[in-house]
Structures are given as structure tokens and as C-alpha cells.
Amino acid sequence: MDTQKKYKILIVDDDQFLLNMYSLKFGKENFDVTAITGGEEALTELRGGLDPDVLLLDVIMPAIDGNELLKLIKKDNLAPHAAIIMLTNQGGESDVNNAKSLGVDGYIIKATAIPSEVVEEVLKIVQAKNK
């Protein structure tokens, strides 16, 4: 495994506490972290040239939710090479199926994964996608 590569990750979540926690966790694992609290700001950054290796999106957010954000990212062909992972508490079968229909590479339920497990899962997904 290529553990030395520094991956760029964009984390989008409206919960500032979680953003801070995951920013710290991913930063300690050699990720270059951009943390954003909403869909509009994420689109602005991506349209401005931010090209992350990983998009980590919450589903439930005000204004633009994670699914709508993902549709807009795909429509505008933003971050075309990024591994896209939903990190949410929406764990229903219809939620997961909807995300899969939008082309996500992974789906992690916040309530059932501690931060270090989230980092491990994200690493596995991005490394598999980049092989």
C-alpha cells in the first residue's frame, strides 16, 4: 500500500465539531484537508479549481444536501477523479441505494464508526480507486 502519498480530501459537513474532529484525524494521517460547512461553499471551491482525491460528504445539510451536491458535482464534472464517500447518519436502505445510484464509491454511517475507522475506510477506498 502507498501510505506515503498525500491525498487531498474535501470534507463537507454542516457540523463544525465533526469537521474539526475529522480535519484533525485526516491531517494526522498525512491528508491535505479542506473542510467546508456547506454545499454552496464546496461548489465554489471546486469550481475555483480545488481538485481533491477524496470527497467526504454529509447527506443532511441546509440549502444543498449531500445528494444534491453530488448531482451538481457530477453535472458540472467537478473532481472527476475523486473517490466520493458519503459520511452520514442516514443509514436506511433507500438512503444507501440512492447514494449508490449517484455513483458513490463508499458509504459510512457516522454513528457506527469511530473516527479512526472512518480514516481507515476512506484510505482503503481511495487506494483501491487509484490502483
C-alpha atoms as a PDB file:
ATOM      1  CA  MET A   1       0.000   0.000   0.000  1.00  0.00           C
ATOM      2  CA  ASP A   2       1.110   3.501  -0.795  1.00  0.00           C
ATOM      3  CA  THR A   3       0.860   5.056   2.658  1.00  0.00           C
ATOM      4  CA  GLN A   4       3.255   7.880   1.805  1.00  0.00           C
ATOM      5  CA  LYS A   5       1.041   9.534  -0.821  1.00  0.00           C
ATOM      6  CA  LYS A   6      -0.531  12.711   0.476  1.00  0.00           C
ATOM      7  CA  TYR A   7      -4.173  12.639  -0.560  1.00  0.00           C
ATOM      8  CA  LYS A   8      -6.250  15.794  -0.843  1.00  0.00           C
ATOM      9  CA  ILE A   9      -9.615  15.457   0.878  1.00  0.00           C
ATOM     10  CA  LEU A  10     -12.601  17.773   0.829  1.00  0.00           C
ATOM     11  CA  ILE A  11     -14.881  17.227   3.830  1.00  0.00           C
ATOM     12  CA  VAL A  12     -18.332  18.813   3.613  1.00  0.00           C
ATOM     13  CA  ASP A  13     -20.479  18.737   6.760  1.00  0.00           C
ATOM     14  CA  ASP A  14     -22.620  21.358   8.481  1.00  0.00           C
ATOM     15  CA  ASP A  15     -21.484  20.186  11.942  1.00  0.00           C
ATOM     16  CA  GLN A  16     -18.417  22.284  12.848  1.00  0.00           C
ATOM     17  CA  PHE A  17     -17.421  19.930  15.698  1.00  0.00           C
ATOM     18  CA  LEU A  18     -17.310  16.951  13.316  1.00  0.00           C
ATOM     19  CA  LEU A  19     -15.451  18.981  10.696  1.00  0.00           C
ATOM     20  CA  ASN A  20     -12.809  19.909  13.257  1.00  0.00           C
ATOM     21  CA  MET A  21     -12.512  16.339  14.538  1.00  0.00           C
ATOM     22  CA  TYR A  22     -12.222  14.763  11.081  1.00  0.00           C
ATOM     23  CA  SER A  23      -9.857  17.503   9.882  1.00  0.00           C
ATOM     24  CA  LEU A  24      -7.549  16.691  12.772  1.00  0.00           C
ATOM     25  CA  LYS A  25      -7.826  12.923  12.244  1.00  0.00           C
ATOM     26  CA  PHE A  26      -7.200  13.051   8.497  1.00  0.00           C
ATOM     27  CA  GLY A  27      -4.440  15.637   8.931  1.00  0.00           C
ATOM     28  CA  LYS A  28      -2.598  13.280  11.293  1.00  0.00           C
ATOM     29  CA  GLU A  29      -2.793  10.600   8.588  1.00  0.00           C
ATOM     30  CA  ASN A  30      -0.994  12.788   6.018  1.00  0.00           C
ATOM     31  CA  PHE A  31      -4.102  14.058   4.219  1.00  0.00           C
ATOM     32  CA  ASP A  32      -4.223  17.603   2.886  1.00  0.00           C
ATOM     33  CA  VAL A  33      -7.609  18.621   4.353  1.00  0.00           C
ATOM     34  CA  THR A  34     -10.101  21.215   3.147  1.00  0.00           C
ATOM     35  CA  ALA A  35     -13.128  21.371   5.454  1.00  0.00           C
ATOM     36  CA  ILE A  36     -16.277  23.190   4.377  1.00  0.00           C
ATOM     37  CA  THR A  37     -19.593  23.701   6.173  1.00  0.00           C
ATOM     38  CA  GLY A  38     -21.980  23.739   3.221  1.00  0.00           C
ATOM     39  CA  GLY A  39     -22.733  22.723  -0.327  1.00  0.00           C
ATOM     40  CA  GLU A  40     -22.584  26.203  -1.850  1.00  0.00           C
ATOM     41  CA  GLU A  41     -19.090  26.834  -0.494  1.00  0.00           C
ATOM     42  CA  ALA A  42     -17.979  23.377  -1.656  1.00  0.00           C
ATOM     43  CA  LEU A  43     -19.191  24.115  -5.191  1.00  0.00           C
ATOM     44  CA  THR A  44     -17.400  27.475  -5.154  1.00  0.00           C
ATOM     45  CA  GLU A  45     -14.122  25.799  -4.127  1.00  0.00           C
ATOM     46  CA  LEU A  46     -14.467  23.008  -6.695  1.00  0.00           C
ATOM     47  CA  ARG A  47     -15.403  25.416  -9.482  1.00  0.00           C
ATOM     48  CA  GLY A  48     -12.419  27.529  -8.438  1.00  0.00           C
ATOM     49  CA  GLY A  49     -10.017  24.694  -9.143  1.00  0.00           C
ATOM     50  CA  LEU A  50      -9.911  22.584  -5.977  1.00  0.00           C
ATOM     51  CA  ASP A  51      -9.283  19.034  -7.232  1.00  0.00           C
ATOM     52  CA  PRO A  52      -9.422  16.626  -4.275  1.00  0.00           C
ATOM     53  CA  ASP A  53      -8.620  12.921  -4.341  1.00  0.00           C
ATOM     54  CA  VAL A  54     -11.498  12.308  -1.928  1.00  0.00           C
ATOM     55  CA  LEU A  55     -14.889  13.948  -1.393  1.00  0.00           C
ATOM     56  CA  LEU A  56     -16.389  13.133   2.006  1.00  0.00           C
ATOM     57  CA  LEU A  57     -19.979  14.383   2.048  1.00  0.00           C
ATOM     58  CA  ASP A  58     -22.646  14.539   4.722  1.00  0.00           C
ATOM     59  CA  VAL A  59     -26.172  13.926   3.421  1.00  0.00           C
ATOM     60  CA  ILE A  60     -28.290  16.120   5.697  1.00  0.00           C
ATOM     61  CA  MET A  61     -27.214  19.759   5.326  1.00  0.00           C
ATOM     62  CA  PRO A  62     -29.160  23.006   4.931  1.00  0.00           C
ATOM     63  CA  ALA A  63     -29.613  24.604   1.490  1.00  0.00           C
ATOM     64  CA  ILE A  64     -27.864  21.927  -0.608  1.00  0.00           C
ATOM     65  CA  ASP A  65     -27.847  18.421   0.888  1.00  0.00           C
ATOM     66  CA  GLY A  66     -25.133  15.892   0.104  1.00  0.00           C
ATOM     67  CA  ASN A  67     -27.126  14.102  -2.587  1.00  0.00           C
ATOM     68  CA  GLU A  68     -27.972  17.336  -4.390  1.00  0.00           C
ATOM     69  CA  LEU A  69     -24.353  18.479  -4.035  1.00  0.00           C
ATOM     70  CA  LEU A  70     -23.190  15.221  -5.577  1.00  0.00           C
ATOM     71  CA  LYS A  71     -25.616  15.636  -8.510  1.00  0.00           C
ATOM     72  CA  LEU A  72     -24.258  19.140  -9.155  1.00  0.00           C
ATOM     73  CA  ILE A  73     -20.644  17.947  -8.893  1.00  0.00           C
ATOM     74  CA  LYS A  74     -21.346  15.197 -11.441  1.00  0.00           C
ATOM     75  CA  LYS A  75     -23.348  17.518 -13.739  1.00  0.00           C
ATOM     76  CA  ASP A  76     -20.503  20.068 -13.840  1.00  0.00           C
ATOM     77  CA  ASN A  77     -17.815  17.334 -13.996  1.00  0.00           C
ATOM     78  CA  LEU A  78     -16.073  18.698 -10.903  1.00  0.00           C
ATOM     79  CA  ALA A  79     -13.453  16.492  -9.215  1.00  0.00           C
ATOM     80  CA  PRO A  80     -13.901  13.751 -11.859  1.00  0.00           C
ATOM     81  CA  HIS A  81     -11.162  11.532 -10.421  1.00  0.00           C
ATOM     82  CA  ALA A  82     -12.135  11.850  -6.758  1.00  0.00           C
ATOM     83  CA  ALA A  83     -13.330   8.952  -4.646  1.00  0.00           C
ATOM     84  CA  ILE A  84     -16.757  10.026  -3.403  1.00  0.00           C
ATOM     85  CA  ILE A  85     -17.820   8.831   0.026  1.00  0.00           C
ATOM     86  CA  MET A  86     -20.940   9.671   1.976  1.00  0.00           C
ATOM     87  CA  LEU A  87     -20.359  10.096   5.721  1.00  0.00           C
ATOM     88  CA  THR A  88     -23.785  10.351   7.294  1.00  0.00           C
ATOM     89  CA  ASN A  89     -26.191   9.092   9.907  1.00  0.00           C
ATOM     90  CA  GLN A  90     -28.758   8.320   7.189  1.00  0.00           C
ATOM     91  CA  GLY A  91     -28.403   4.540   7.179  1.00  0.00           C
ATOM     92  CA  GLY A  92     -31.669   3.388   5.647  1.00  0.00           C
ATOM     93  CA  GLU A  93     -31.581   1.044   2.690  1.00  0.00           C
ATOM     94  CA  SER A  94     -33.199   3.686   0.459  1.00  0.00           C
ATOM     95  CA  ASP A  95     -30.548   6.237   1.534  1.00  0.00           C
ATOM     96  CA  VAL A  96     -27.706   3.862   0.663  1.00  0.00           C
ATOM     97  CA  ASN A  97     -29.332   2.809  -2.624  1.00  0.00           C
ATOM     98  CA  ASN A  98     -29.923   6.435  -3.604  1.00  0.00           C
ATOM     99  CA  ALA A  99     -26.271   7.291  -2.960  1.00  0.00           C
ATOM    100  CA  LYS A 100     -25.127   4.247  -4.943  1.00  0.00           C
ATOM    101  CA  SER A 101     -27.352   5.297  -7.836  1.00  0.00           C
ATOM    102  CA  LEU A 102     -25.499   8.637  -7.785  1.00  0.00           C
ATOM    103  CA  GLY A 103     -22.171   6.828  -8.162  1.00  0.00           C
ATOM    104  CA  VAL A 104     -20.596   6.970  -4.698  1.00  0.00           C
ATOM    105  CA  ASP A 105     -17.524   4.862  -4.011  1.00  0.00           C
ATOM    106  CA  GLY A 106     -18.351   4.348  -0.340  1.00  0.00           C
ATOM    107  CA  TYR A 107     -20.985   4.928   2.329  1.00  0.00           C
ATOM    108  CA  ILE A 108     -20.050   5.262   6.002  1.00  0.00           C
ATOM    109  CA  ILE A 109     -22.548   5.611   8.849  1.00  0.00           C
ATOM    110  CA  LYS A 110     -21.214   8.142  11.398  1.00  0.00           C
ATOM    111  CA  ALA A 111     -22.943   6.539  14.370  1.00  0.00           C
ATOM    112  CA  THR A 112     -21.372   3.115  13.797  1.00  0.00           C
ATOM    113  CA  ALA A 113     -17.784   4.158  13.002  1.00  0.00           C
ATOM    114  CA  ILE A 114     -15.224   5.808  15.247  1.00  0.00           C
ATOM    115  CA  PRO A 115     -13.051   8.461  13.544  1.00  0.00           C
ATOM    116  CA  SER A 116     -10.035   6.170  13.139  1.00  0.00           C
ATOM    117  CA  GLU A 117     -12.258   3.587  11.395  1.00  0.00           C
ATOM    118  CA  VAL A 118     -13.561   6.312   9.082  1.00  0.00           C
ATOM    119  CA  VAL A 119      -9.981   7.249   8.149  1.00  0.00           C
ATOM    120  CA  GLU A 120      -9.083   3.576   7.543  1.00  0.00           C
ATOM    121  CA  GLU A 121     -12.149   3.021   5.348  1.00  0.00           C
ATOM    122  CA  VAL A 122     -11.510   6.203   3.352  1.00  0.00           C
ATOM    123  CA  LEU A 123      -7.887   5.149   2.800  1.00  0.00           C
ATOM    124  CA  LYS A 124      -8.979   1.725   1.563  1.00  0.00           C
ATOM    125  CA  ILE A 125     -11.494   3.246  -0.858  1.00  0.00           C
ATOM    126  CA  VAL A 126      -9.150   5.916  -2.278  1.00  0.00           C
ATOM    127  CA  GLN A 127      -6.255   3.463  -2.652  1.00  0.00           C
ATOM    128  CA  ALA A 128      -8.471   0.930  -4.418  1.00  0.00           C
ATOM    129  CA  LYS A 129      -9.796   3.636  -6.754  1.00  0.00           C
ATOM    130  CA  ASN A 130      -6.251   4.822  -7.577  1.00  0.00           C
ATOM    131  CA  LYS A 131      -4.847   1.391  -8.465  1.00  0.00           C
END
